[in-house]
Amino acid sequence: MQVVSVTEFRARAAEMVDRVQKGETVRILRHGKPVAELVPPQPEVAEPGRVPAWKRPFEPLHIRRADGKSGAQLIIEERASGW
């Protein structure tokens, strides 16, 4: 683990981020006391059986008016009438 002061971190931020990218942890001190730690990101572990909402199958809506026409049919008729 690399331990640096806030001043040193500001001066060498890119280098510190490179260290973290390689798997090292960087602890940042202010007035000798730890105020932050930069750590590599942990891989996200998906819960087994859990599927994100955007991947779940869905049933499309089938809405029909009282006259039996769908929204798509109404649009087609409107376009054909030249409106």
Protein backbone atom coordinates (compact mmCIF):
# COMPACT_ATOMS: atom_id res chain seq x y z
CA MET A 1 0.00 0.00 0.00
CA GLN A 2 1.27 3.42 -0.98
CA VAL A 3 0.70 6.20 1.62
CA VAL A 4 0.88 9.81 0.42
CA SER A 5 -0.12 13.27 1.63
CA VAL A 6 -2.83 15.26 -0.13
CA THR A 7 -0.16 17.60 -1.51
CA GLU A 8 1.87 14.71 -2.89
CA PHE A 9 -1.27 13.12 -4.32
CA ARG A 10 -2.18 16.33 -6.15
CA ALA A 11 1.31 16.52 -7.63
CA ARG A 12 1.37 12.85 -8.70
CA ALA A 13 -2.32 11.99 -9.23
CA ALA A 14 -1.80 10.28 -12.60
CA GLU A 15 0.94 8.09 -11.16
CA MET A 16 -1.26 7.15 -8.19
CA VAL A 17 -4.15 6.20 -10.50
CA ASP A 18 -1.73 4.06 -12.52
CA ARG A 19 -0.71 2.25 -9.32
CA VAL A 20 -4.34 1.61 -8.42
CA GLN A 21 -5.02 0.37 -11.95
CA LYS A 22 -2.26 -2.21 -11.42
CA GLY A 23 -3.99 -3.44 -8.25
CA GLU A 24 -2.29 -1.42 -5.51
CA THR A 25 -4.10 0.60 -2.84
CA VAL A 26 -3.18 4.24 -2.23
CA ARG A 27 -3.99 5.84 1.15
CA ILE A 28 -4.18 9.64 1.22
CA LEU A 29 -3.32 11.53 4.42
CA ARG A 30 -4.20 15.07 5.50
CA HIS A 31 -2.23 16.36 8.48
CA GLY A 32 -1.03 12.80 9.09
CA LYS A 33 -4.54 11.31 9.30
CA PRO A 34 -6.08 9.08 6.63
CA VAL A 35 -8.86 10.80 4.70
CA ALA A 36 -9.26 8.57 1.64
CA GLU A 37 -8.17 5.36 -0.01
CA LEU A 38 -8.01 4.63 -3.70
CA VAL A 39 -8.65 0.96 -4.30
CA PRO A 40 -9.03 -1.06 -7.50
CA PRO A 41 -12.68 -1.70 -8.42
CA GLN A 42 -14.12 -5.02 -7.32
CA PRO A 43 -15.64 -7.13 -10.07
CA GLU A 44 -19.41 -7.01 -9.96
CA VAL A 45 -20.85 -10.37 -9.08
CA ALA A 46 -24.36 -10.87 -10.37
CA GLU A 47 -26.73 -12.76 -8.14
CA PRO A 48 -27.49 -16.14 -9.66
CA GLY A 49 -30.90 -16.20 -11.28
CA ARG A 50 -31.25 -12.43 -11.25
CA VAL A 51 -31.74 -10.88 -14.67
CA PRO A 52 -31.58 -7.10 -15.22
CA ALA A 53 -34.92 -5.49 -16.07
CA TRP A 54 -33.76 -4.57 -19.58
CA LYS A 55 -33.03 -8.24 -20.35
CA ARG A 56 -36.31 -9.65 -19.06
CA PRO A 57 -38.82 -10.72 -21.69
CA PHE A 58 -42.03 -8.74 -21.87
CA GLU A 59 -45.40 -9.12 -23.48
CA PRO A 60 -46.23 -6.26 -25.87
CA LEU A 61 -49.48 -4.38 -25.33
CA HIS A 62 -52.36 -5.32 -27.61
CA ILE A 63 -54.81 -2.45 -27.25
CA ARG A 64 -57.73 -2.27 -29.63
CA ARG A 65 -60.39 0.37 -29.89
CA ALA A 66 -64.09 -0.37 -29.72
CA ASP A 67 -64.22 -0.52 -33.53
CA GLY A 68 -61.53 -3.25 -33.48
CA LYS A 69 -58.75 -1.18 -35.10
CA SER A 70 -55.25 -1.14 -33.66
CA GLY A 71 -53.08 1.95 -33.36
CA ALA A 72 -50.95 0.76 -36.27
CA GLN A 73 -54.01 0.39 -38.50
CA LEU A 74 -55.14 3.92 -37.65
CA ILE A 75 -51.73 5.33 -38.54
CA ILE A 76 -51.67 3.46 -41.86
CA GLU A 77 -55.14 4.73 -42.74
CA GLU A 78 -54.19 8.29 -41.83
CA ARG A 79 -51.08 8.17 -44.00
CA ALA A 80 -53.05 6.70 -46.91
CA SER A 81 -55.62 9.50 -46.70
CA GLY A 82 -52.85 12.04 -47.35
CA TRP A 83 -53.19 13.93 -44.09
